[in-house]
PDB file of N, CA and C in Angstrom:
ATOM      1  N   UNK A   1      42.943-181.509 118.074  1.00  0.00           N
ATOM      2  CA  UNK A   1      41.766-182.390 117.759  1.00  0.00           C
ATOM      3  C   UNK A   1      40.634-181.732 118.340  1.00  0.00           C
ATOM      4  N   UNK A   2      40.506-181.250 119.369  1.00  0.00           N
ATOM      5  CA  UNK A   2      39.300-180.726 119.952  1.00  0.00           C
ATOM      6  C   UNK A   2      38.904-179.375 119.369  1.00  0.00           C
ATOM      7  N   UNK A   3      39.946-178.636 119.004  1.00  0.00           N
ATOM      8  CA  UNK A   3      39.676-177.284 118.227  1.00  0.00           C
ATOM      9  C   UNK A   3      39.054-177.609 116.918  1.00  0.00           C
ATOM     10  N   UNK A   4      39.466-178.587 116.261  1.00  0.00           N
ATOM     11  CA  UNK A   4      38.780-178.783 114.822  1.00  0.00           C
ATOM     12  C   UNK A   4      37.349-179.314 115.081  1.00  0.00           C
ATOM     13  N   UNK A   5      37.171-180.003 116.183  1.00  0.00           N
ATOM     14  CA  UNK A   5      35.849-180.525 116.354  1.00  0.00           C
ATOM     15  C   UNK A   5      34.879-179.229 116.653  1.00  0.00           C
ATOM     16  N   UNK A   6      35.589-178.261 117.425  1.00  0.00           N
ATOM     17  CA  UNK A   6      34.473-177.040 117.710  1.00  0.00           C
ATOM     18  C   UNK A   6      34.333-176.320 116.398  1.00  0.00           C
ATOM     19  N   UNK A   7      35.297-176.210 115.590  1.00  0.00           N
ATOM     20  CA  UNK A   7      35.220-175.459 114.490  1.00  0.00           C
ATOM     21  C   UNK A   7      34.274-176.250 113.502  1.00  0.00           C
ATOM     22  N   UNK A   8      34.220-177.500 113.413  1.00  0.00           N
ATOM     23  CA  UNK A   8      33.055-178.343 112.603  1.00  0.00           C
ATOM     24  C   UNK A   8      31.709-177.986 113.078  1.00  0.00           C
ATOM     25  N   UNK A   9      31.628-178.021 114.445  1.00  0.00           N
ATOM     26  CA  UNK A   9      30.378-177.679 115.063  1.00  0.00           C
ATOM     27  C   UNK A   9      29.839-176.249 114.828  1.00  0.00           C
ATOM     28  N   UNK A  10      30.695-175.269 114.917  1.00  0.00           N
ATOM     29  CA  UNK A  10      30.504-173.915 114.589  1.00  0.00           C
ATOM     30  C   UNK A  10      30.087-173.686 113.058  1.00  0.00           C
ATOM     31  N   UNK A  11      30.733-174.400 112.224  1.00  0.00           N
ATOM     32  CA  UNK A  11      30.367-174.311 110.773  1.00  0.00           C
ATOM     33  C   UNK A  11      29.101-174.838 110.566  1.00  0.00           C
ATOM     34  N   UNK A  12      28.719-176.110 111.340  1.00  0.00           N
ATOM     35  CA  UNK A  12      27.467-176.729 111.207  1.00  0.00           C
ATOM     36  C   UNK A  12      26.374-175.783 111.574  1.00  0.00           C
ATOM     37  N   UNK A  13      26.527-175.321 112.660  1.00  0.00           N
ATOM     38  CA  UNK A  13      25.567-174.362 113.472  1.00  0.00           C
ATOM     39  C   UNK A  13      25.329-173.149 112.422  1.00  0.00           C
ATOM     40  N   UNK A  14      26.350-172.596 111.944  1.00  0.00           N
ATOM     41  CA  UNK A  14      26.133-171.444 111.127  1.00  0.00           C
ATOM     42  C   UNK A  14      25.374-171.881 109.724  1.00  0.00           C
ATOM     43  N   UNK A  15      25.672-172.974 109.183  1.00  0.00           N
ATOM     44  CA  UNK A  15      24.970-173.521 108.106  1.00  0.00           C
ATOM     45  C   UNK A  15      23.511-173.743 108.204  1.00  0.00           C
ATOM     46  N   UNK A  16      23.136-174.360 109.519  1.00  0.00           N
ATOM     47  CA  UNK A  16      21.816-174.667 109.859  1.00  0.00           C
ATOM     48  C   UNK A  16      20.952-173.221 110.004  1.00  0.00           C
ATOM     49  N   UNK A  17      21.655-172.177 110.679  1.00  0.00           N
ATOM     50  CA  UNK A  17      21.146-170.910 110.824  1.00  0.00           C
ATOM     51  C   UNK A  17      20.754-170.290 109.480  1.00  0.00           C
ATOM     52  N   UNK A  18      21.700-170.512 108.507  1.00  0.00           N
ATOM     53  CA  UNK A  18      21.558-169.737 107.228  1.00  0.00           C
ATOM     54  C   UNK A  18      20.381-170.518 106.502  1.00  0.00           C
ATOM     55  N   UNK A  19      20.230-171.870 106.719  1.00  0.00           N
ATOM     56  CA  UNK A  19      19.152-172.563 105.971  1.00  0.00           C
ATOM     57  C   UNK A  19      17.781-172.058 106.465  1.00  0.00           C
ATOM     58  N   UNK A  20      17.653-171.859 107.949  1.00  0.00           N
ATOM     59  CA  UNK A  20      16.400-171.533 108.597  1.00  0.00           C
ATOM     60  C   UNK A  20      15.980-170.082 108.246  1.00  0.00           C
ATOM     61  N   UNK A  21      16.910-169.326 107.844  1.00  0.00           N
ATOM     62  CA  UNK A  21      16.459-167.825 107.597  1.00  0.00           C
ATOM     63  C   UNK A  21      16.235-167.593 106.163  1.00  0.00           C
ATOM     64  N   UNK A  22      15.248-168.143 105.701  1.00  0.00           N
ATOM     65  CA  UNK A  22      14.867-167.831 104.284  1.00  0.00           C
ATOM     66  C   UNK A  22      14.036-166.619 104.085  1.00  0.00           C
ATOM     67  N   UNK A  23      14.191-165.910 102.916  1.00  0.00           N
ATOM     68  CA  UNK A  23      13.196-164.816 102.851  1.00  0.00           C
ATOM     69  C   UNK A  23      11.984-165.161 102.137  1.00  0.00           C
ATOM     70  N   UNK A  24      10.920-164.486 102.441  1.00  0.00           N
ATOM     71  CA  UNK A  24       9.587-164.779 101.914  1.00  0.00           C
ATOM     72  C   UNK A  24       9.072-163.736 101.208  1.00  0.00           C
ATOM     73  N   UNK A  25       8.166-163.951 100.107  1.00  0.00           N
ATOM     74  CA  UNK A  25       7.658-163.061  99.200  1.00  0.00           C
ATOM     75  C   UNK A  25       6.472-162.372  99.893  1.00  0.00           C
ATOM     76  N   UNK A  26       6.293-160.960  99.786  1.00  0.00           N
ATOM     77  CA  UNK A  26       5.232-160.391 100.346  1.00  0.00           C
ATOM     78  C   UNK A  26       3.970-160.756  99.600  1.00  0.00           C
ATOM     79  N   UNK A  27       2.901-160.860 100.309  1.00  0.00           N
ATOM     80  CA  UNK A  27       1.462-161.127  99.773  1.00  0.00           C
ATOM     81  C   UNK A  27       1.145-160.038  99.082  1.00  0.00           C
ATOM     82  N   UNK A  28       0.299-160.190  97.875  1.00  0.00           N
ATOM     83  CA  UNK A  28      -0.144-159.010  97.103  1.00  0.00           C
ATOM     84  C   UNK A  28      -1.037-158.140  97.807  1.00  0.00           C
ATOM     85  N   UNK A  29      -1.737-158.623  98.936  1.00  0.00           N
ATOM     86  CA  UNK A  29      -2.618-157.793  99.611  1.00  0.00           C
ATOM     87  C   UNK A  29      -1.789-156.602 100.419  1.00  0.00           C
ATOM     88  N   UNK A  30      -0.530-157.101 100.613  1.00  0.00           N
ATOM     89  CA  UNK A  30       0.394-156.030 101.475  1.00  0.00           C
ATOM     90  C   UNK A  30       0.835-154.878 100.639  1.00  0.00           C
ATOM     91  N   UNK A  31       1.017-155.259  99.354  1.00  0.00           N
ATOM     92  CA  UNK A  31       1.535-154.156  98.458  1.00  0.00           C
ATOM     93  C   UNK A  31       0.490-153.361  97.826  1.00  0.00           C
ATOM     94  N   UNK A  32       0.558-152.040  97.790  1.00  0.00           N
ATOM     95  CA  UNK A  32      -0.496-151.238  97.203  1.00  0.00           C
ATOM     96  C   UNK A  32      -0.202-151.203  95.746  1.00  0.00           C
ATOM     97  N   UNK A  33      -1.218-151.570  94.952  1.00  0.00           N
ATOM     98  CA  UNK A  33      -1.059-151.566  93.581  1.00  0.00           C
ATOM     99  C   UNK A  33      -1.977-150.312  92.965  1.00  0.00           C
ATOM    100  N   UNK A  34      -1.178-149.598  92.219  1.00  0.00           N
ATOM    101  CA  UNK A  34      -1.709-148.319  91.562  1.00  0.00           C
ATOM    102  C   UNK A  34      -1.313-148.432  90.018  1.00  0.00           C
ATOM    103  N   UNK A  35      -2.249-147.789  89.273  1.00  0.00           N
ATOM    104  CA  UNK A  35      -1.953-147.506  87.888  1.00  0.00           C
ATOM    105  C   UNK A  35      -0.942-146.609  87.569  1.00  0.00           C
ATOM    106  N   UNK A  36      -0.291-146.623  86.571  1.00  0.00           N
ATOM    107  CA  UNK A  36       0.920-145.594  86.319  1.00  0.00           C
ATOM    108  C   UNK A  36       0.408-144.107  86.363  1.00  0.00           C
ATOM    109  N   UNK A  37      -0.822-143.747  85.922  1.00  0.00           N
ATOM    110  CA  UNK A  37      -1.217-142.357  85.977  1.00  0.00           C
ATOM    111  C   UNK A  37      -1.531-141.935  87.540  1.00  0.00           C
ATOM    112  N   UNK A  38      -2.051-142.929  88.208  1.00  0.00           N
ATOM    113  CA  UNK A  38      -2.216-142.666  89.657  1.00  0.00           C
ATOM    114  C   UNK A  38      -0.929-142.386  90.316  1.00  0.00           C
ATOM    115  N   UNK A  39       0.024-143.266  89.971  1.00  0.00           N
ATOM    116  CA  UNK A  39       1.365-143.184  90.643  1.00  0.00           C
ATOM    117  C   UNK A  39       2.141-141.825  90.295  1.00  0.00           C
ATOM    118  N   UNK A  40       1.994-141.483  89.017  1.00  0.00           N
ATOM    119  CA  UNK A  40       2.593-140.088  88.522  1.00  0.00           C
ATOM    120  C   UNK A  40       1.705-138.941  89.237  1.00  0.00           C
ATOM    121  N   UNK A  41       0.458-139.036  89.431  1.00  0.00           N
ATOM    122  CA  UNK A  41      -0.223-137.941  90.041  1.00  0.00           C
ATOM    123  C   UNK A  41       0.056-137.764  91.591  1.00  0.00           C
ATOM    124  N   UNK A  42       0.372-138.953  92.111  1.00  0.00           N
ATOM    125  CA  UNK A  42       0.791-139.021  93.618  1.00  0.00           C
ATOM    126  C   UNK A  42       2.217-138.466  93.720  1.00  0.00           C
ATOM    127  N   UNK A  43       3.007-138.731  92.826  1.00  0.00           N
ATOM    128  CA  UNK A  43       4.448-138.328  92.740  1.00  0.00           C
ATOM    129  C   UNK A  43       4.382-136.743  92.567  1.00  0.00           C
ATOM    130  N   UNK A  44       3.651-136.302  91.612  1.00  0.00           N
ATOM    131  CA  UNK A  44       3.551-134.864  91.320  1.00  0.00           C
ATOM    132  C   UNK A  44       2.993-134.037  92.585  1.00  0.00           C
ATOM    133  N   UNK A  45       2.054-134.534  93.335  1.00  0.00           N
ATOM    134  CA  UNK A  45       1.495-133.953  94.487  1.00  0.00           C
ATOM    135  C   UNK A  45       2.459-133.925  95.647  1.00  0.00           C
ATOM    136  N   UNK A  46       3.235-135.009  95.702  1.00  0.00           N
ATOM    137  CA  UNK A  46       4.284-135.090  96.832  1.00  0.00           C
ATOM    138  C   UNK A  46       5.322-134.041  96.483  1.00  0.00           C
ATOM    139  N   UNK A  47       5.839-133.860  95.193  1.00  0.00           N
ATOM    140  CA  UNK A  47       6.737-132.951  94.700  1.00  0.00           C
ATOM    141  C   UNK A  47       6.427-131.583  94.923  1.00  0.00           C
ATOM    142  N   UNK A  48       4.990-131.228  94.727  1.00  0.00           N
ATOM    143  CA  UNK A  48       4.567-129.876  95.015  1.00  0.00           C
ATOM    144  C   UNK A  48       4.583-129.536  96.486  1.00  0.00           C
ATOM    145  N   UNK A  49       4.357-130.475  97.243  1.00  0.00           N
ATOM    146  CA  UNK A  49       4.286-130.279  98.762  1.00  0.00           C
ATOM    147  C   UNK A  49       5.672-129.900  99.062  1.00  0.00           C
ATOM    148  N   UNK A  50       6.744-130.842  98.739  1.00  0.00           N
ATOM    149  CA  UNK A  50       8.081-130.614  98.996  1.00  0.00           C
ATOM    150  C   UNK A  50       8.738-129.297  98.558  1.00  0.00           C
ATOM    151  N   UNK A  51       8.156-128.838  97.376  1.00  0.00           N
ATOM    152  CA  UNK A  51       8.619-127.643  96.755  1.00  0.00           C
ATOM    153  C   UNK A  51       8.246-126.457  97.639  1.00  0.00           C
ATOM    154  N   UNK A  52       6.768-126.482  98.110  1.00  0.00           N
ATOM    155  CA  UNK A  52       6.169-125.373  98.950  1.00  0.00           C
ATOM    156  C   UNK A  52       7.014-125.381 100.305  1.00  0.00           C
ATOM    157  N   UNK A  53       7.323-126.465 100.819  1.00  0.00           N
ATOM    158  CA  UNK A  53       7.947-126.550 102.093  1.00  0.00           C
ATOM    159  C   UNK A  53       9.420-125.852 102.009  1.00  0.00           C
ATOM    160  N   UNK A  54      10.071-126.175 100.865  1.00  0.00           N
ATOM    161  CA  UNK A  54      11.511-125.618 100.754  1.00  0.00           C
ATOM    162  C   UNK A  54      11.412-124.093 100.349  1.00  0.00           C
ATOM    163  N   UNK A  55      10.391-123.662  99.665  1.00  0.00           N
ATOM    164  CA  UNK A  55      10.252-122.248  99.497  1.00  0.00           C
ATOM    165  C   UNK A  55      10.031-121.449 100.866  1.00  0.00           C
ATOM    166  N   UNK A  56       9.192-122.098 101.739  1.00  0.00           N
ATOM    167  CA  UNK A  56       8.876-121.292 102.980  1.00  0.00           C
ATOM    168  C   UNK A  56       9.946-121.397 103.816  1.00  0.00           C
ATOM    169  N   UNK A  57      10.859-122.299 103.814  1.00  0.00           N
ATOM    170  CA  UNK A  57      11.971-122.405 104.740  1.00  0.00           C
ATOM    171  C   UNK A  57      13.138-121.589 104.174  1.00  0.00           C
ATOM    172  N   UNK A  58      13.214-121.151 102.828  1.00  0.00           N
ATOM    173  CA  UNK A  58      14.368-120.569 102.382  1.00  0.00           C
ATOM    174  C   UNK A  58      14.509-119.115 102.807  1.00  0.00           C
ATOM    175  N   UNK A  59      13.350-118.429 103.076  1.00  0.00           N
ATOM    176  CA  UNK A  59      13.356-117.034 103.591  1.00  0.00           C
ATOM    177  C   UNK A  59      13.742-116.903 104.950  1.00  0.00           C
ATOM    178  N   UNK A  60      14.649-116.060 105.153  1.00  0.00           N
ATOM    179  CA  UNK A  60      15.065-115.933 106.621  1.00  0.00           C
ATOM    180  C   UNK A  60      14.027-115.301 107.453  1.00  0.00           C
ATOM    181  N   UNK A  61      13.984-115.699 108.729  1.00  0.00           N
ATOM    182  CA  UNK A  61      12.747-115.263 109.624  1.00  0.00           C
ATOM    183  C   UNK A  61      13.170-114.008 110.467  1.00  0.00           C
ATOM    184  N   UNK A  62      14.483-113.606 110.425  1.00  0.00           N
ATOM    185  CA  UNK A  62      14.940-112.600 111.061  1.00  0.00           C
ATOM    186  C   UNK A  62      15.746-111.637 110.330  1.00  0.00           C
ATOM    187  N   UNK A  63      15.857-110.367 110.816  1.00  0.00           N
ATOM    188  CA  UNK A  63      16.692-109.377 110.048  1.00  0.00           C
ATOM    189  C   UNK A  63      17.957-109.331 110.780  1.00  0.00           C
ATOM    190  N   UNK A  64      19.088-109.005 110.025  1.00  0.00           N
ATOM    191  CA  UNK A  64      20.449-108.912 110.514  1.00  0.00           C
ATOM    192  C   UNK A  64      20.582-107.533 111.291  1.00  0.00           C
ATOM    193  N   UNK A  65      21.244-107.429 112.365  1.00  0.00           N
ATOM    194  CA  UNK A  65      21.397-106.130 113.026  1.00  0.00           C
ATOM    195  C   UNK A  65      22.165-105.202 112.159  1.00  0.00           C
ATOM    196  N   UNK A  66      21.757-103.821 112.175  1.00  0.00           N
ATOM    197  CA  UNK A  66      22.414-102.803 111.425  1.00  0.00           C
ATOM    198  C   UNK A  66      23.664-102.624 111.857  1.00  0.00           C
ATOM    199  N   UNK A  67      24.032-102.137 112.945  1.00  0.00           N
ATOM    200  CA  UNK A  67      25.391-101.939 113.728  1.00  0.00           C
ATOM    201  C   UNK A  67      25.927-100.674 112.992  1.00  0.00           C
ATOM    202  N   UNK A  68      27.047-100.527 113.384  1.00  0.00           N
ATOM    203  CA  UNK A  68      27.885 -99.359 112.873  1.00  0.00           C
ATOM    204  C   UNK A  68      28.238 -99.582 111.436  1.00  0.00           C
ATOM    205  N   UNK A  69      28.481-100.600 110.973  1.00  0.00           N
ATOM    206  CA  UNK A  69      28.891-100.675 109.574  1.00  0.00           C
ATOM    207  C   UNK A  69      28.168-101.881 108.977  1.00  0.00           C
ATOM    208  N   UNK A  70      27.038-101.844 108.458  1.00  0.00           N
ATOM    209  CA  UNK A  70      26.196-102.840 108.065  1.00  0.00           C
ATOM    210  C   UNK A  70      26.875-103.653 106.708  1.00  0.00           C
ATOM    211  N   UNK A  71      27.659-102.849 106.036  1.00  0.00           N
ATOM    212  CA  UNK A  71      28.131-103.423 104.747  1.00  0.00           C
ATOM    213  C   UNK A  71      29.553-104.185 105.004  1.00  0.00           C
ATOM    214  N   UNK A  72      29.943-104.249 106.348  1.00  0.00           N
ATOM    215  CA  UNK A  72      31.223-104.783 106.688  1.00  0.00           C
ATOM    216  C   UNK A  72      31.397-106.258 106.212  1.00  0.00           C
ATOM    217  N   UNK A  73      30.204-107.056 106.679  1.00  0.00           N
ATOM    218  CA  UNK A  73      30.309-108.384 106.111  1.00  0.00           C
ATOM    219  C   UNK A  73      29.478-108.806 105.302  1.00  0.00           C
TER     220      UNK A  73
END
């Protein structure tokens, strides 16, 4: 009997918590609004920056040691 009472209270508390945690819509002042051409231009600029970063890191910064047999590996 007491176990079922605790179970009912637990379910009640969980339901109350679920009702109190409602999601809210962001205000329009928080969201940055851009036109489509501005968004595409910003995306292309970011893509160019990322491409330059990847090209600069793809070149090795050190030379491999020659050793007795450089063609071995």
